[in-house]
Each structure stands twice: as structure tokens, then as C-alpha cells.
Protein backbone atom coordinates (compact mmCIF):
# COMPACT_ATOMS: atom_id res chain seq x y z
CA UNK A 1 -5.94 -30.98 29.48
CA UNK A 2 -3.88 -29.15 27.25
CA UNK A 3 -5.29 -29.31 23.66
CA UNK A 4 -3.15 -30.87 21.15
CA UNK A 5 -1.80 -28.61 18.24
CA UNK A 6 -3.06 -29.12 15.00
CA UNK A 7 -0.87 -30.33 12.14
CA UNK A 8 0.20 -27.63 9.91
CA UNK A 9 -1.06 -28.07 6.53
CA UNK A 10 1.47 -27.91 3.63
CA UNK A 11 1.10 -28.75 -0.21
CA UNK A 12 2.81 -31.60 -0.98
CA UNK A 13 5.91 -31.10 -2.79
CA UNK A 14 5.08 -32.85 -5.86
CA UNK A 15 2.31 -30.29 -6.43
CA UNK A 16 4.04 -27.16 -5.99
CA UNK A 17 5.35 -27.16 -9.59
CA UNK A 18 2.12 -27.98 -11.09
CA UNK A 19 1.58 -25.89 -14.47
CA UNK A 20 -1.32 -26.26 -16.72
CA UNK A 21 -0.14 -26.60 -20.18
CA UNK A 22 -1.09 -23.99 -22.78
CA UNK A 23 -4.03 -25.18 -25.24
CA UNK A 24 -5.49 -22.67 -27.29
CA UNK A 25 -5.87 -18.78 -27.59
CA UNK A 26 -7.70 -18.42 -24.41
CA UNK A 27 -5.05 -20.23 -22.38
CA UNK A 28 -2.27 -18.21 -24.42
CA UNK A 29 -4.01 -14.71 -23.29
CA UNK A 30 -4.54 -15.64 -19.87
CA UNK A 31 -0.82 -17.01 -19.39
CA UNK A 32 0.51 -13.99 -21.33
CA UNK A 33 -1.41 -11.30 -19.10
CA UNK A 34 0.05 -13.37 -16.08
CA UNK A 35 3.40 -13.15 -17.11
CA UNK A 36 3.06 -9.26 -17.68
CA UNK A 37 1.75 -8.96 -14.02
CA UNK A 38 4.32 -11.30 -12.59
CA UNK A 39 7.06 -8.91 -14.26
CA UNK A 40 5.55 -5.69 -12.95
CA UNK A 41 5.44 -7.32 -9.38
CA UNK A 42 9.00 -8.48 -9.86
CA UNK A 43 9.98 -4.95 -10.91
CA UNK A 44 8.34 -2.83 -8.23
CA UNK A 45 8.71 -5.46 -5.05
CA UNK A 46 11.67 -7.04 -6.10
CA UNK A 47 12.32 -9.39 -2.71
CA UNK A 48 9.82 -7.51 -0.35
CA UNK A 49 7.55 -10.63 -0.23
CA UNK A 50 5.56 -9.15 2.75
CA UNK A 51 4.47 -6.08 1.15
CA UNK A 52 4.03 -8.13 -2.25
CA UNK A 53 1.73 -10.19 -0.53
CA UNK A 54 -0.12 -7.24 0.87
CA UNK A 55 -0.64 -5.43 -2.38
CA UNK A 56 -1.57 -8.67 -4.56
CA UNK A 57 -3.79 -10.24 -1.94
CA UNK A 58 -5.95 -7.24 -2.38
CA UNK A 59 -6.32 -8.29 -6.05
CA UNK A 60 -6.33 -11.89 -5.60
CA UNK A 61 -9.75 -11.69 -3.50
CA UNK A 62 -11.47 -9.98 -6.65
CA UNK A 63 -12.11 -13.08 -8.87
CA UNK A 64 -13.90 -15.28 -6.68
CA UNK A 65 -16.26 -12.53 -5.65
CA UNK A 66 -16.75 -11.54 -9.42
CA UNK A 67 -16.99 -15.19 -10.28
CA UNK A 68 -19.78 -15.95 -7.51
CA UNK A 69 -21.68 -12.70 -8.31
CA UNK A 70 -21.81 -13.43 -12.03
CA UNK A 71 -22.61 -17.27 -11.59
CA UNK A 72 -25.22 -16.37 -9.36
CA UNK A 73 -26.91 -14.21 -11.76
CA UNK A 74 -26.47 -16.67 -14.74
CA UNK A 75 -28.18 -19.17 -12.63
CA UNK A 76 -30.99 -16.92 -11.72
CA UNK A 77 -31.82 -16.10 -15.31
CA UNK A 78 -31.48 -19.90 -16.69
CA UNK A 79 -33.23 -21.20 -13.30
CA UNK A 80 -30.57 -23.50 -13.15
CA UNK A 81 -28.32 -25.10 -10.34
CA UNK A 82 -24.98 -23.77 -9.90
CA UNK A 83 -23.35 -27.29 -8.75
CA UNK A 84 -21.69 -25.84 -5.87
CA UNK A 85 -19.63 -23.26 -7.78
CA UNK A 86 -21.21 -20.22 -6.18
CA UNK A 87 -20.23 -21.44 -2.84
CA UNK A 88 -16.69 -22.64 -3.51
CA UNK A 89 -16.02 -19.04 -5.15
CA UNK A 90 -17.18 -16.98 -2.32
CA UNK A 91 -15.26 -19.23 -0.12
CA UNK A 92 -12.02 -18.49 -2.27
CA UNK A 93 -12.76 -14.84 -1.85
CA UNK A 94 -12.98 -15.04 1.74
CA UNK A 95 -9.84 -16.89 1.89
CA UNK A 96 -7.79 -14.44 0.04
CA UNK A 97 -9.04 -11.69 2.01
CA UNK A 98 -7.93 -13.57 5.29
CA UNK A 99 -4.48 -13.76 3.62
CA UNK A 100 -4.44 -9.74 3.04
CA UNK A 101 -5.53 -9.45 6.86
CA UNK A 102 -2.78 -11.54 7.79
CA UNK A 103 0.04 -10.11 5.89
CA UNK A 104 -1.07 -6.57 6.76
CA UNK A 105 0.20 -7.46 10.44
CA UNK A 106 3.55 -8.75 8.99
CA UNK A 107 4.26 -5.87 6.57
CA UNK A 108 2.61 -2.45 7.45
CA UNK A 109 1.65 -1.25 3.93
CA UNK A 110 2.68 2.30 3.23
CA UNK A 111 0.72 5.27 2.00
CA UNK A 112 1.93 4.81 -1.37
CA UNK A 113 0.91 0.95 -1.37
CA UNK A 114 -2.23 2.00 -0.17
CA UNK A 115 -2.67 4.32 -3.10
CA UNK A 116 -1.55 1.60 -5.46
CA UNK A 117 -4.00 -0.64 -4.09
CA UNK A 118 -7.00 1.69 -4.64
CA UNK A 119 -6.06 2.20 -8.40
CA UNK A 120 -5.25 -1.26 -9.04
CA UNK A 121 -8.14 -2.72 -7.44
CA UNK A 122 -10.76 -0.97 -9.57
CA UNK A 123 -8.75 -1.33 -12.77
CA UNK A 124 -8.43 -5.07 -12.05
CA UNK A 125 -12.12 -5.58 -10.83
CA UNK A 126 -13.67 -3.64 -13.83
CA UNK A 127 -11.20 -5.62 -16.30
CA UNK A 128 -11.79 -9.06 -15.01
CA UNK A 129 -15.49 -8.37 -14.57
CA UNK A 130 -15.43 -7.61 -18.27
CA UNK A 131 -13.23 -10.68 -19.27
CA UNK A 132 -15.60 -12.92 -17.34
CA UNK A 133 -18.63 -11.79 -19.20
CA UNK A 134 -16.86 -12.31 -22.37
CA UNK A 135 -15.14 -15.64 -21.36
CA UNK A 136 -15.50 -17.25 -18.16
CA UNK A 137 -13.34 -19.80 -19.31
CA UNK A 138 -10.27 -17.46 -19.99
CA UNK A 139 -11.15 -15.71 -16.58
CA UNK A 140 -10.70 -18.85 -14.48
CA UNK A 141 -7.62 -20.05 -16.62
CA UNK A 142 -5.98 -16.49 -15.68
CA UNK A 143 -6.54 -17.38 -12.26
CA UNK A 144 -5.24 -20.69 -12.18
CA UNK A 145 -2.05 -19.18 -13.68
CA UNK A 146 -2.13 -16.32 -10.86
CA UNK A 147 -1.92 -19.02 -8.24
CA UNK A 148 0.82 -20.84 -10.19
CA UNK A 149 2.80 -17.63 -9.54
CA UNK A 150 1.63 -17.35 -5.98
CA UNK A 151 2.73 -20.62 -4.98
CA UNK A 152 6.25 -19.86 -6.68
CA UNK A 153 6.46 -16.23 -4.59
CA UNK A 154 5.53 -17.92 -1.45
CA UNK A 155 8.18 -20.61 -1.78
CA UNK A 156 10.55 -17.98 -2.67
CA UNK A 157 9.31 -16.18 0.52
CA UNK A 158 10.13 -19.18 2.52
CA UNK A 159 13.72 -19.40 1.37
CA UNK A 160 14.23 -15.80 2.31
CA UNK A 161 13.04 -16.84 5.87
CA UNK A 162 15.17 -20.24 5.77
CA UNK A 163 18.09 -18.24 4.66
CA UNK A 164 17.85 -15.49 7.17
CA UNK A 165 17.38 -12.77 4.87
CA UNK A 166 13.87 -12.29 6.27
CA UNK A 167 12.96 -12.34 9.94
CA UNK A 168 10.91 -15.41 11.08
CA UNK A 169 8.49 -13.57 13.17
CA UNK A 170 5.72 -14.94 15.26
CA UNK A 171 2.48 -15.54 13.53
CA UNK A 172 -0.24 -12.82 13.96
CA UNK A 173 -3.21 -13.76 16.11
CA UNK A 174 -5.46 -13.75 13.41
CA UNK A 175 -3.71 -16.22 11.40
CA UNK A 176 -3.48 -18.43 14.38
CA UNK A 177 -7.17 -18.35 14.88
CA UNK A 178 -8.14 -18.74 11.26
CA UNK A 179 -5.94 -21.62 10.32
CA UNK A 180 -6.23 -22.95 13.94
CA UNK A 181 -2.47 -22.83 14.48
CA UNK A 182 -0.48 -23.61 17.88
CA UNK A 183 0.36 -20.62 19.88
CA UNK A 184 4.28 -20.74 19.08
CA UNK A 185 3.43 -20.77 15.43
CA UNK A 186 5.80 -18.60 13.35
CA UNK A 187 5.77 -16.80 10.00
CA UNK A 188 7.05 -19.76 8.26
CA UNK A 189 4.12 -21.79 9.41
CA UNK A 190 1.74 -19.01 8.12
CA UNK A 191 3.44 -18.95 4.81
CA UNK A 192 2.85 -23.00 4.67
CA UNK A 193 -0.50 -22.91 4.86
CA UNK A 194 -0.84 -19.93 2.91
CA UNK A 195 0.90 -21.51 0.10
CA UNK A 196 -1.42 -24.74 0.30
CA UNK A 197 -4.43 -22.60 -0.11
CA UNK A 198 -3.00 -20.99 -3.18
CA UNK A 199 -2.25 -24.58 -4.56
CA UNK A 200 -5.92 -25.32 -3.85
CA UNK A 201 -7.08 -22.18 -5.56
CA UNK A 202 -4.77 -23.01 -8.70
CA UNK A 203 -6.40 -26.58 -9.07
CA UNK A 204 -9.90 -25.32 -8.54
CA UNK A 205 -9.70 -22.60 -11.29
CA UNK A 206 -7.74 -24.70 -13.45
CA UNK A 207 -10.36 -27.30 -13.08
CA UNK A 208 -13.23 -25.12 -13.68
CA UNK A 209 -11.62 -23.49 -16.63
CA UNK A 210 -11.31 -26.99 -17.96
CA UNK A 211 -14.83 -27.90 -17.20
CA UNK A 212 -16.16 -25.05 -19.06
CA UNK A 213 -13.74 -26.02 -21.95
CA UNK A 214 -15.63 -29.29 -21.88
CA UNK A 215 -12.29 -31.45 -20.70
CA UNK A 216 -12.82 -34.27 -18.58
CA UNK A 217 -10.70 -34.61 -15.56
CA UNK A 218 -8.10 -37.05 -17.18
CA UNK A 219 -7.83 -34.66 -20.19
CA UNK A 220 -6.61 -31.53 -18.11
CA UNK A 221 -3.17 -31.05 -19.32
CA UNK A 222 -0.74 -30.31 -16.28
CA UNK A 223 3.16 -30.84 -15.99
CA UNK A 224 5.94 -29.32 -13.80
CA UNK A 225 6.20 -25.72 -13.98
CA UNK A 226 8.99 -24.99 -16.28
CA UNK A 227 11.88 -23.09 -14.94
CA UNK A 228 10.90 -23.04 -11.42
CA UNK A 229 10.05 -26.72 -10.58
CA UNK A 230 13.51 -27.61 -9.08
CA UNK A 231 13.57 -24.37 -7.16
CA UNK A 232 10.15 -25.02 -5.70
CA UNK A 233 11.36 -28.85 -4.56
CA UNK A 234 14.62 -27.36 -3.30
CA UNK A 235 12.94 -24.66 -1.09
CA UNK A 236 9.96 -27.08 0.08
């Protein structure tokens, strides 16, 4: 008997434009740094979203590993429980790595891009490690803002496919296996599940940052992402 296809996950439309309102210096630093990196990515890659994904996903897989490592060490020093955060952050790092392994099959990285990856990863790893030691709250807020931008980028990538400016090629086998997609899945289906992953990481990191700031769940300030909210809904 033929196995039924598993429905493709997608972030609800109302969740695509979620933005954490800036509250204090820590959030301003995180958002400001995110905007600088967004400008660099837009300048360097323009609309080459496949290549953008390859390079940025090598960076995106770093915070979860750093956070899990330092949380693990802190819990050992304090002889305290991690409340599930170590596993959560490790799973985030693994998920981001699978995004990379998927997009390698979609957009073959050039030798120059591989060189950029080597340099950027080391710089970002050391910088994020230092930031996490100084302020874990700011580090997680930074990742939350990173993921907001990732949701926007993948939404624009979907629009590129829908408008015919990028080919909607068959989904790589590694993506079909990891997300349990049907055999006839396409790149558009892959981007939908990747975007849903990024939206989840966004909420997890903003939630952890708010928890570290001593905020209750109901006190976490979220609002439609300014400037991009309408575009996101139209492209969904």
C-alpha cells in the first residue's frame, strides 16, 4: 500500500511578521548589529538567495552550539539543572546545519564563497562566544533578530520562485529524507519548511532572552515586523 504523503509544514501567515519590540540597551545592540549584517548580506548577495542561504546557514548553526556548550559548563559549575535548554540549543544547531546541507545541493558554493565562509565563521564564533559570556540575554536576542531576518529572506526567496525568476527545481534527496517530504517535493516545499524552522528558532531565542531578562510570557513585547509585514503576507 502506498504511504500517504506527510503534509508540508509552513509557518502560519500571522506568525511571519512577528518582531520583538526593542526594550532597553541590550535589545538595541542586538537589533543594530542585525541590521548591519542584513545590509552586508543584501549588498553582497542581492537576489542570489540560494548562495545567501549557503553562506548564512554556516553562521546560523554557530549560536546554538555556543549556547549549548556554555549552558552545559555553567550547569556543571553550579551543579544545577538546565531546564531542557541544552538539548533545545543543540537541536537548533543541528537543524541549521541541515539547512546548509540542503542548500549546498541547490546552489553550489564557489571557491570564493567557501573562503568567505572560513573567515566569517571563525570571526562570528569568537565574537558570539565572547558576547554570550558577557550577556547571554543579548546573545539570544541577537539570534532572535537574526531569525526574523531569515524569515523575511526566505519569504522573498519564495516570491522569486513564484514569479519565475528562480527555477523551482526538485527538492534534494537529503531534504526529502530530513523533513519527510513527498517524492515529488520541490524547492518551494523545502523553503516552506525551512522558513517554519527559522520562525521557530526566532520564537525560542526571543523567549529565552525574555526569560533571562525576568519577563513573563505575557510580557514579551511582539508586534508585526515594521516595513516587511505586508510583504510577508502577500508572499506567503
